[in-house]
Amino acid sequence: MSRNAVQETLYTTIFGTETRAGKTFDIILIIIILASIAVLMLESVGDMQARYGDWFFTIEWGFTLFFTVEYALRLYCSPAPKAYAKSFYGIVDLLAILPTYIAMLFPGANYLMAVRLLRVLRIFRVLKLMRYLEESNVLLAALKSSGRKIFIFFYAVMVLVTIFGSLMFVIEGPEHGFTSIPYSIYWAIVTMTTVGYGDLVPQTDIGKALASITMLMGYSIIAVPTGIITAQMGQHMTTQRQTTLCPNCSKPGHEKDAVFCKFCGSELAQKEKET
């Protein structure tokens, strides 16, 4: 189906960032998104809601209608409306407008509009930072490779907190606040993770000794998942450097974003120049 001039103009303005109109639209859109989040936060304050509730309601619907029209225009001018609707940004754009309509049936659902903050990710396109997001692939790959190790570590921690929680229940008992094993396990979790809310503390000397061991154990294991992920990231970064070969001297070991060989100075042919 042929596209008319209106669709092309809207597409260049709404989806594009190369033209002045496109940049201006995205910047205005980001400002409106931040303003809508600010209104949502103010609306959750009791005094503000009591004094300016009607204003908040009107402004909130104004933002929702704006985002609804914008979403409809994106579907209208997109060369592939279905692909856009199923994309990450398309889903976020839809979720940004649904809470207000859902709140008509389920009061309070409008606070789910905080998802609009995800739309600020478009600022990466405006500032041409998308190429830097490629580096996140290294982190994602490291997390994926570390999945089994992290799961085993998590399982080991769960076993430890169950043991410590059960022991604390036996030592302290309901008279000191440890009314059940699950509640004692809750204490073990917040203690081992070094959070320590202080809402539940042992009273006996033996209980305090066990609490000390639990806290020291928490400090001992807190760096384990960080070390696992860091090691995996190092492996992936090393692999990337090794696969970047110089077409002149055939030596590996170049960074992913390298343009010239660090050994002979030749241009890396497989590396595309940034525009």
C-alpha atoms as a PDB file:
ATOM      1  CA  MET A   1       0.000   0.000   0.000  1.00  0.00           C
ATOM      2  CA  SER A   2       1.394   3.351  -1.017  1.00  0.00           C
ATOM      3  CA  ARG A   3       2.099   5.941   1.640  1.00  0.00           C
ATOM      4  CA  ASN A   4       0.991   9.541   1.272  1.00  0.00           C
ATOM      5  CA  ALA A   5       2.963  12.695   2.023  1.00  0.00           C
ATOM      6  CA  VAL A   6       1.241  13.191   5.376  1.00  0.00           C
ATOM      7  CA  GLN A   7       2.333   9.773   6.595  1.00  0.00           C
ATOM      8  CA  GLU A   8       5.907  10.373   5.463  1.00  0.00           C
ATOM      9  CA  THR A   9       6.031  13.756   7.188  1.00  0.00           C
ATOM     10  CA  LEU A  10       4.581  12.366  10.403  1.00  0.00           C
ATOM     11  CA  TYR A  11       6.972   9.415  10.292  1.00  0.00           C
ATOM     12  CA  THR A  12       9.998  11.677   9.856  1.00  0.00           C
ATOM     13  CA  THR A  13       8.852  13.886  12.730  1.00  0.00           C
ATOM     14  CA  ILE A  14       7.640  11.258  15.207  1.00  0.00           C
ATOM     15  CA  PHE A  15      10.075   8.413  14.596  1.00  0.00           C
ATOM     16  CA  GLY A  16      13.068  10.272  13.197  1.00  0.00           C
ATOM     17  CA  THR A  17      15.762  12.139  15.084  1.00  0.00           C
ATOM     18  CA  GLU A  18      17.844  13.444  12.187  1.00  0.00           C
ATOM     19  CA  THR A  19      15.644  16.426  11.337  1.00  0.00           C
ATOM     20  CA  ARG A  20      15.104  19.500  13.477  1.00  0.00           C
ATOM     21  CA  ALA A  21      11.395  18.703  13.694  1.00  0.00           C
ATOM     22  CA  GLY A  22      12.140  15.147  14.853  1.00  0.00           C
ATOM     23  CA  LYS A  23      14.554  16.261  17.559  1.00  0.00           C
ATOM     24  CA  THR A  24      12.163  18.970  18.730  1.00  0.00           C
ATOM     25  CA  PHE A  25       9.272  16.492  18.907  1.00  0.00           C
ATOM     26  CA  ASP A  26      11.283  13.989  20.967  1.00  0.00           C
ATOM     27  CA  ILE A  27      12.523  16.649  23.379  1.00  0.00           C
ATOM     28  CA  ILE A  28       8.984  18.013  23.871  1.00  0.00           C
ATOM     29  CA  LEU A  29       7.712  14.452  24.333  1.00  0.00           C
ATOM     30  CA  ILE A  30      10.324  13.736  27.028  1.00  0.00           C
ATOM     31  CA  ILE A  31       9.428  16.978  28.844  1.00  0.00           C
ATOM     32  CA  ILE A  32       5.728  16.048  28.793  1.00  0.00           C
ATOM     33  CA  ILE A  33       6.514  12.541  30.062  1.00  0.00           C
ATOM     34  CA  LEU A  34       8.526  13.943  32.982  1.00  0.00           C
ATOM     35  CA  ALA A  35       5.760  16.457  33.712  1.00  0.00           C
ATOM     36  CA  SER A  36       3.150  13.685  33.803  1.00  0.00           C
ATOM     37  CA  ILE A  37       5.288  11.687  36.249  1.00  0.00           C
ATOM     38  CA  ALA A  38       5.694  14.791  38.440  1.00  0.00           C
ATOM     39  CA  VAL A  39       1.923  15.291  38.520  1.00  0.00           C
ATOM     40  CA  LEU A  40       1.436  11.619  39.393  1.00  0.00           C
ATOM     41  CA  MET A  41       3.845  11.924  42.332  1.00  0.00           C
ATOM     42  CA  LEU A  42       2.214  15.099  43.610  1.00  0.00           C
ATOM     43  CA  GLU A  43      -1.209  13.476  43.335  1.00  0.00           C
ATOM     44  CA  SER A  44      -0.095  10.725  45.730  1.00  0.00           C
ATOM     45  CA  VAL A  45       0.562  13.317  48.463  1.00  0.00           C
ATOM     46  CA  GLY A  46      -2.536  13.533  50.662  1.00  0.00           C
ATOM     47  CA  ASP A  47      -2.500  17.301  51.246  1.00  0.00           C
ATOM     48  CA  MET A  48      -1.848  18.051  47.570  1.00  0.00           C
ATOM     49  CA  GLN A  49      -4.601  15.690  46.491  1.00  0.00           C
ATOM     50  CA  ALA A  50      -7.079  17.310  48.893  1.00  0.00           C
ATOM     51  CA  ARG A  51      -6.315  20.836  47.661  1.00  0.00           C
ATOM     52  CA  TYR A  52      -5.699  20.279  43.942  1.00  0.00           C
ATOM     53  CA  GLY A  53      -7.411  16.967  43.247  1.00  0.00           C
ATOM     54  CA  ASP A  54      -9.654  18.371  40.513  1.00  0.00           C
ATOM     55  CA  TRP A  55      -6.700  20.042  38.797  1.00  0.00           C
ATOM     56  CA  PHE A  56      -4.700  16.825  38.927  1.00  0.00           C
ATOM     57  CA  PHE A  57      -7.620  14.896  37.439  1.00  0.00           C
ATOM     58  CA  THR A  58      -7.938  17.337  34.538  1.00  0.00           C
ATOM     59  CA  ILE A  59      -4.198  17.506  33.850  1.00  0.00           C
ATOM     60  CA  GLU A  60      -3.893  13.737  34.059  1.00  0.00           C
ATOM     61  CA  TRP A  61      -6.598  13.253  31.447  1.00  0.00           C
ATOM     62  CA  GLY A  62      -4.945  15.906  29.282  1.00  0.00           C
ATOM     63  CA  PHE A  63      -1.682  13.952  29.309  1.00  0.00           C
ATOM     64  CA  THR A  64      -3.526  10.708  28.616  1.00  0.00           C
ATOM     65  CA  LEU A  65      -5.368  12.147  25.618  1.00  0.00           C
ATOM     66  CA  PHE A  66      -2.098  13.550  24.274  1.00  0.00           C
ATOM     67  CA  PHE A  67      -0.372  10.171  24.568  1.00  0.00           C
ATOM     68  CA  THR A  68      -3.392   8.435  23.056  1.00  0.00           C
ATOM     69  CA  VAL A  69      -3.321  10.680  19.980  1.00  0.00           C
ATOM     70  CA  GLU A  70       0.445  10.249  19.741  1.00  0.00           C
ATOM     71  CA  TYR A  71       0.141   6.453  19.873  1.00  0.00           C
ATOM     72  CA  ALA A  72      -2.558   6.500  17.193  1.00  0.00           C
ATOM     73  CA  LEU A  73      -0.379   8.695  14.975  1.00  0.00           C
ATOM     74  CA  ARG A  74       2.548   6.308  15.415  1.00  0.00           C
ATOM     75  CA  LEU A  75       0.367   3.425  14.253  1.00  0.00           C
ATOM     76  CA  TYR A  76      -0.918   5.521  11.349  1.00  0.00           C
ATOM     77  CA  CYS A  77       2.433   6.672   9.991  1.00  0.00           C
ATOM     78  CA  SER A  78       4.549   3.600  10.766  1.00  0.00           C
ATOM     79  CA  PRO A  79       5.506   1.535   7.693  1.00  0.00           C
ATOM     80  CA  ALA A  80       4.920  -1.585   9.809  1.00  0.00           C
ATOM     81  CA  PRO A  81       2.212  -0.837  12.404  1.00  0.00           C
ATOM     82  CA  LYS A  82       2.056  -4.400  13.730  1.00  0.00           C
ATOM     83  CA  ALA A  83       5.827  -4.549  14.181  1.00  0.00           C
ATOM     84  CA  TYR A  84       5.787  -1.237  16.042  1.00  0.00           C
ATOM     85  CA  ALA A  85       2.889  -2.335  18.264  1.00  0.00           C
ATOM     86  CA  LYS A  86       4.796  -5.504  19.247  1.00  0.00           C
ATOM     87  CA  SER A  87       8.126  -3.743  19.759  1.00  0.00           C
ATOM     88  CA  PHE A  88       9.474  -2.690  23.165  1.00  0.00           C
ATOM     89  CA  TYR A  89       8.684   0.984  22.615  1.00  0.00           C
ATOM     90  CA  GLY A  90       5.278   0.155  21.162  1.00  0.00           C
ATOM     91  CA  ILE A  91       4.296  -1.866  24.224  1.00  0.00           C
ATOM     92  CA  VAL A  92       5.590   0.846  26.582  1.00  0.00           C
ATOM     93  CA  ASP A  93       3.680   3.515  24.637  1.00  0.00           C
ATOM     94  CA  LEU A  94       0.491   1.487  25.002  1.00  0.00           C
ATOM     95  CA  LEU A  95       1.043   0.817  28.704  1.00  0.00           C
ATOM     96  CA  ALA A  96       1.534   4.550  29.227  1.00  0.00           C
ATOM     97  CA  ILE A  97      -2.076   5.289  28.324  1.00  0.00           C
ATOM     98  CA  LEU A  98      -3.945   2.234  29.636  1.00  0.00           C
ATOM     99  CA  PRO A  99      -3.837   2.966  33.419  1.00  0.00           C
ATOM    100  CA  THR A 100      -5.993   6.089  33.172  1.00  0.00           C
ATOM    101  CA  TYR A 101      -8.695   4.215  31.272  1.00  0.00           C
ATOM    102  CA  ILE A 102      -8.447   1.201  33.599  1.00  0.00           C
ATOM    103  CA  ALA A 103      -8.810   3.558  36.593  1.00  0.00           C
ATOM    104  CA  MET A 104     -12.356   4.284  35.411  1.00  0.00           C
ATOM    105  CA  LEU A 105     -13.212   0.705  36.436  1.00  0.00           C
ATOM    106  CA  PHE A 106     -10.570   0.096  39.102  1.00  0.00           C
ATOM    107  CA  PRO A 107      -9.776   3.240  41.140  1.00  0.00           C
ATOM    108  CA  GLY A 108      -6.116   3.547  42.021  1.00  0.00           C
ATOM    109  CA  ALA A 109      -4.883   1.913  38.827  1.00  0.00           C
ATOM    110  CA  ASN A 110      -3.830   5.348  37.580  1.00  0.00           C
ATOM    111  CA  TYR A 111      -0.701   5.129  39.737  1.00  0.00           C
ATOM    112  CA  LEU A 112       0.528   2.471  37.327  1.00  0.00           C
ATOM    113  CA  MET A 113       1.218   5.383  34.990  1.00  0.00           C
ATOM    114  CA  ALA A 114       4.709   5.445  36.498  1.00  0.00           C
ATOM    115  CA  VAL A 115       5.518   3.115  33.599  1.00  0.00           C
ATOM    116  CA  ARG A 116       5.588   6.282  31.478  1.00  0.00           C
ATOM    117  CA  LEU A 117       9.041   6.894  32.860  1.00  0.00           C
ATOM    118  CA  LEU A 118      10.287   4.081  30.608  1.00  0.00           C
ATOM    119  CA  ARG A 119       9.456   6.277  27.644  1.00  0.00           C
ATOM    120  CA  VAL A 120      12.298   8.587  28.661  1.00  0.00           C
ATOM    121  CA  LEU A 121      14.580   5.896  27.202  1.00  0.00           C
ATOM    122  CA  ARG A 122      13.931   7.640  23.913  1.00  0.00           C
ATOM    123  CA  ILE A 123      16.452  10.228  25.034  1.00  0.00           C
ATOM    124  CA  PHE A 124      19.144   7.752  23.967  1.00  0.00           C
ATOM    125  CA  ARG A 125      17.959   8.188  20.380  1.00  0.00           C
ATOM    126  CA  VAL A 126      17.824  11.956  20.681  1.00  0.00           C
ATOM    127  CA  LEU A 127      21.365  12.209  22.037  1.00  0.00           C
ATOM    128  CA  LYS A 128      22.648   9.503  19.656  1.00  0.00           C
ATOM    129  CA  LEU A 129      23.666   7.247  22.534  1.00  0.00           C
ATOM    130  CA  MET A 130      22.187   4.054  21.101  1.00  0.00           C
ATOM    131  CA  ARG A 131      25.600   2.765  20.059  1.00  0.00           C
ATOM    132  CA  TYR A 132      26.683   2.791  23.697  1.00  0.00           C
ATOM    133  CA  LEU A 133      23.773   0.543  24.617  1.00  0.00           C
ATOM    134  CA  GLU A 134      25.501  -2.216  22.640  1.00  0.00           C
ATOM    135  CA  GLU A 135      27.921  -2.527  25.542  1.00  0.00           C
ATOM    136  CA  SER A 136      25.028  -3.761  27.661  1.00  0.00           C
ATOM    137  CA  ASN A 137      25.106  -6.951  25.572  1.00  0.00           C
ATOM    138  CA  VAL A 138      28.305  -7.899  27.397  1.00  0.00           C
ATOM    139  CA  LEU A 139      26.546  -7.564  30.749  1.00  0.00           C
ATOM    140  CA  LEU A 140      23.499  -9.510  29.541  1.00  0.00           C
ATOM    141  CA  ALA A 141      25.692 -12.285  28.161  1.00  0.00           C
ATOM    142  CA  ALA A 142      27.605 -12.437  31.451  1.00  0.00           C
ATOM    143  CA  LEU A 143      24.375 -12.683  33.438  1.00  0.00           C
ATOM    144  CA  LYS A 144      23.117 -15.435  31.150  1.00  0.00           C
ATOM    145  CA  SER A 145      26.368 -17.400  31.447  1.00  0.00           C
ATOM    146  CA  SER A 146      26.349 -16.978  35.225  1.00  0.00           C
ATOM    147  CA  GLY A 147      22.775 -18.209  35.581  1.00  0.00           C
ATOM    148  CA  ARG A 148      23.578 -21.668  36.956  1.00  0.00           C
ATOM    149  CA  LYS A 149      26.280 -20.414  39.322  1.00  0.00           C
ATOM    150  CA  ILE A 150      23.993 -17.684  40.653  1.00  0.00           C
ATOM    151  CA  PHE A 151      21.180 -20.209  41.128  1.00  0.00           C
ATOM    152  CA  ILE A 152      23.463 -22.555  43.080  1.00  0.00           C
ATOM    153  CA  PHE A 153      24.655 -19.627  45.188  1.00  0.00           C
ATOM    154  CA  PHE A 154      21.059 -18.557  45.820  1.00  0.00           C
ATOM    155  CA  TYR A 155      20.117 -22.108  46.810  1.00  0.00           C
ATOM    156  CA  ALA A 156      23.075 -22.275  49.232  1.00  0.00           C
ATOM    157  CA  VAL A 157      22.032 -18.974  50.822  1.00  0.00           C
ATOM    158  CA  MET A 158      18.454 -20.217  51.211  1.00  0.00           C
ATOM    159  CA  VAL A 159      19.739 -23.335  52.974  1.00  0.00           C
ATOM    160  CA  LEU A 160      21.861 -21.214  55.315  1.00  0.00           C
ATOM    161  CA  VAL A 161      19.063 -18.800  56.246  1.00  0.00           C
ATOM    162  CA  THR A 162      16.725 -21.737  56.846  1.00  0.00           C
ATOM    163  CA  ILE A 163      19.238 -23.349  59.191  1.00  0.00           C
ATOM    164  CA  PHE A 164      20.045 -20.117  61.034  1.00  0.00           C
ATOM    165  CA  GLY A 165      16.373 -19.169  61.255  1.00  0.00           C
ATOM    166  CA  SER A 166      15.401 -22.561  62.639  1.00  0.00           C
ATOM    167  CA  LEU A 167      18.212 -22.452  65.211  1.00  0.00           C
ATOM    168  CA  MET A 168      17.198 -18.955  66.284  1.00  0.00           C
ATOM    169  CA  PHE A 169      13.581 -20.125  66.707  1.00  0.00           C
ATOM    170  CA  VAL A 170      14.769 -22.942  68.989  1.00  0.00           C
ATOM    171  CA  ILE A 171      17.132 -20.668  70.968  1.00  0.00           C
ATOM    172  CA  GLU A 172      14.966 -17.561  71.370  1.00  0.00           C
ATOM    173  CA  GLY A 173      11.427 -18.853  71.003  1.00  0.00           C
ATOM    174  CA  PRO A 174       8.104 -16.957  70.886  1.00  0.00           C
ATOM    175  CA  GLU A 175       8.790 -15.179  74.177  1.00  0.00           C
ATOM    176  CA  HIS A 176      11.513 -13.124  72.467  1.00  0.00           C
ATOM    177  CA  GLY A 177       9.549 -12.381  69.295  1.00  0.00           C
ATOM    178  CA  PHE A 178      10.578 -15.393  67.193  1.00  0.00           C
ATOM    179  CA  THR A 179       7.031 -16.694  66.961  1.00  0.00           C
ATOM    180  CA  SER A 180       7.533 -19.138  64.084  1.00  0.00           C
ATOM    181  CA  ILE A 181      10.223 -20.648  61.879  1.00  0.00           C
ATOM    182  CA  PRO A 182       9.176 -18.605  58.796  1.00  0.00           C
ATOM    183  CA  TYR A 183       9.374 -15.409  60.868  1.00  0.00           C
ATOM    184  CA  SER A 184      12.781 -16.502  62.161  1.00  0.00           C
ATOM    185  CA  ILE A 185      13.909 -17.164  58.581  1.00  0.00           C
ATOM    186  CA  TYR A 186      12.811 -13.617  57.735  1.00  0.00           C
ATOM    187  CA  TRP A 187      15.138 -12.409  60.522  1.00  0.00           C
ATOM    188  CA  ALA A 188      17.982 -14.533  59.115  1.00  0.00           C
ATOM    189  CA  ILE A 189      17.485 -13.093  55.626  1.00  0.00           C
ATOM    190  CA  VAL A 190      17.552  -9.437  56.700  1.00  0.00           C
ATOM    191  CA  THR A 191      20.516 -10.142  58.971  1.00  0.00           C
ATOM    192  CA  MET A 192      22.591 -12.088  56.453  1.00  0.00           C
ATOM    193  CA  THR A 193      22.002  -9.486  53.748  1.00  0.00           C
ATOM    194  CA  THR A 194      23.384  -6.886  56.185  1.00  0.00           C
ATOM    195  CA  VAL A 195      20.118  -4.934  56.102  1.00  0.00           C
ATOM    196  CA  GLY A 196      19.251  -5.508  59.757  1.00  0.00           C
ATOM    197  CA  TYR A 197      15.911  -3.734  60.249  1.00  0.00           C
ATOM    198  CA  GLY A 198      16.145  -4.118  64.022  1.00  0.00           C
ATOM    199  CA  ASP A 199      12.469  -5.034  64.334  1.00  0.00           C
ATOM    200  CA  LEU A 200      13.433  -8.493  65.588  1.00  0.00           C
ATOM    201  CA  VAL A 201      16.563  -9.024  67.699  1.00  0.00           C
ATOM    202  CA  PRO A 202      17.817 -11.897  69.880  1.00  0.00           C
ATOM    203  CA  GLN A 203      17.810 -11.417  73.647  1.00  0.00           C
ATOM    204  CA  THR A 204      19.855 -14.365  74.935  1.00  0.00           C
ATOM    205  CA  ASP A 205      23.631 -14.628  74.825  1.00  0.00           C
ATOM    206  CA  ILE A 206      23.506 -17.734  72.646  1.00  0.00           C
ATOM    207  CA  GLY A 207      21.097 -15.991  70.277  1.00  0.00           C
ATOM    208  CA  LYS A 208      23.388 -12.969  70.018  1.00  0.00           C
ATOM    209  CA  ALA A 209      26.333 -15.252  69.292  1.00  0.00           C
ATOM    210  CA  LEU A 210      24.365 -16.943  66.505  1.00  0.00           C
ATOM    211  CA  ALA A 211      23.367 -13.506  65.183  1.00  0.00           C
ATOM    212  CA  SER A 212      27.029 -12.505  65.086  1.00  0.00           C
ATOM    213  CA  ILE A 213      27.904 -15.624  63.100  1.00  0.00           C
ATOM    214  CA  THR A 214      25.007 -14.895  60.712  1.00  0.00           C
ATOM    215  CA  MET A 215      26.191 -11.327  60.121  1.00  0.00           C
ATOM    216  CA  LEU A 216      29.802 -12.393  59.572  1.00  0.00           C
ATOM    217  CA  MET A 217      28.578 -15.071  57.180  1.00  0.00           C
ATOM    218  CA  GLY A 218      26.656 -12.406  55.284  1.00  0.00           C
ATOM    219  CA  TYR A 219      29.771 -10.254  54.883  1.00  0.00           C
ATOM    220  CA  SER A 220      31.716 -13.317  53.745  1.00  0.00           C
ATOM    221  CA  ILE A 221      29.349 -14.277  50.933  1.00  0.00           C
ATOM    222  CA  ILE A 222      28.082 -10.886  49.751  1.00  0.00           C
ATOM    223  CA  ALA A 223      30.877 -10.547  47.189  1.00  0.00           C
ATOM    224  CA  VAL A 224      30.363 -14.003  45.663  1.00  0.00           C
ATOM    225  CA  PRO A 225      27.745 -13.121  42.997  1.00  0.00           C
ATOM    226  CA  THR A 226      29.686  -9.982  42.069  1.00  0.00           C
ATOM    227  CA  GLY A 227      32.825 -12.045  41.533  1.00  0.00           C
ATOM    228  CA  ILE A 228      30.957 -14.590  39.406  1.00  0.00           C
ATOM    229  CA  ILE A 229      29.466 -11.952  37.111  1.00  0.00           C
ATOM    230  CA  THR A 230      32.732  -9.992  36.887  1.00  0.00           C
ATOM    231  CA  ALA A 231      34.622 -13.132  35.856  1.00  0.00           C
ATOM    232  CA  GLN A 232      32.067 -13.892  33.141  1.00  0.00           C
ATOM    233  CA  MET A 233      32.215 -10.306  31.868  1.00  0.00           C
ATOM    234  CA  GLY A 234      35.995 -10.561  31.675  1.00  0.00           C
ATOM    235  CA  GLN A 235      35.716 -13.741  29.619  1.00  0.00           C
ATOM    236  CA  HIS A 236      33.255 -12.192  27.162  1.00  0.00           C
ATOM    237  CA  MET A 237      35.339  -9.031  26.756  1.00  0.00           C
ATOM    238  CA  THR A 238      38.474 -11.123  26.183  1.00  0.00           C
ATOM    239  CA  THR A 239      36.639 -13.194  23.580  1.00  0.00           C
ATOM    240  CA  GLN A 240      35.523 -10.041  21.754  1.00  0.00           C
ATOM    241  CA  ARG A 241      39.070  -8.661  21.700  1.00  0.00           C
ATOM    242  CA  GLN A 242      40.460 -11.957  20.427  1.00  0.00           C
ATOM    243  CA  THR A 243      38.027 -12.116  17.512  1.00  0.00           C
ATOM    244  CA  THR A 244      38.923  -8.620  16.258  1.00  0.00           C
ATOM    245  CA  LEU A 245      41.777  -9.268  13.831  1.00  0.00           C
ATOM    246  CA  CYS A 246      43.879  -6.757  11.927  1.00  0.00           C
ATOM    247  CA  PRO A 247      43.627  -7.343   8.140  1.00  0.00           C
ATOM    248  CA  ASN A 248      47.272  -6.256   7.727  1.00  0.00           C
ATOM    249  CA  CYS A 249      49.213  -8.002  10.500  1.00  0.00           C
ATOM    250  CA  SER A 250      46.481 -10.495  11.521  1.00  0.00           C
ATOM    251  CA  LYS A 251      47.081  -9.832  15.210  1.00  0.00           C
ATOM    252  CA  PRO A 252      44.109 -10.087  17.617  1.00  0.00           C
ATOM    253  CA  GLY A 253      43.512  -8.301  20.902  1.00  0.00           C
ATOM    254  CA  HIS A 254      41.782  -5.126  19.736  1.00  0.00           C
ATOM    255  CA  GLU A 255      38.957  -3.449  21.611  1.00  0.00           C
ATOM    256  CA  LYS A 256      35.474  -3.726  20.127  1.00  0.00           C
ATOM    257  CA  ASP A 257      35.338  -0.044  19.204  1.00  0.00           C
ATOM    258  CA  ALA A 258      38.906   0.111  17.840  1.00  0.00           C
ATOM    259  CA  VAL A 259      39.266   1.700  14.398  1.00  0.00           C
ATOM    260  CA  PHE A 260      43.020   1.245  13.888  1.00  0.00           C
ATOM    261  CA  CYS A 261      45.353  -1.628  14.738  1.00  0.00           C
ATOM    262  CA  LYS A 262      47.344  -0.960  17.908  1.00  0.00           C
ATOM    263  CA  PHE A 263      50.275  -2.963  16.535  1.00  0.00           C
ATOM    264  CA  CYS A 264      50.770  -1.713  12.956  1.00  0.00           C
ATOM    265  CA  GLY A 265      48.389   1.258  12.764  1.00  0.00           C
ATOM    266  CA  SER A 266      46.391  -0.112   9.841  1.00  0.00           C
ATOM    267  CA  GLU A 267      42.669   0.548   9.635  1.00  0.00           C
ATOM    268  CA  LEU A 268      40.507  -2.313  10.812  1.00  0.00           C
ATOM    269  CA  ALA A 269      38.486  -3.054   7.698  1.00  0.00           C
ATOM    270  CA  GLN A 270      35.732  -4.914   9.480  1.00  0.00           C
ATOM    271  CA  LYS A 271      34.995  -1.902  11.653  1.00  0.00           C
ATOM    272  CA  GLU A 272      32.412   0.450  10.192  1.00  0.00           C
ATOM    273  CA  LYS A 273      33.067   4.135  10.504  1.00  0.00           C
ATOM    274  CA  GLU A 274      30.608   6.039  12.629  1.00  0.00           C
ATOM    275  CA  THR A 275      28.579   8.579  10.816  1.00  0.00           C
END
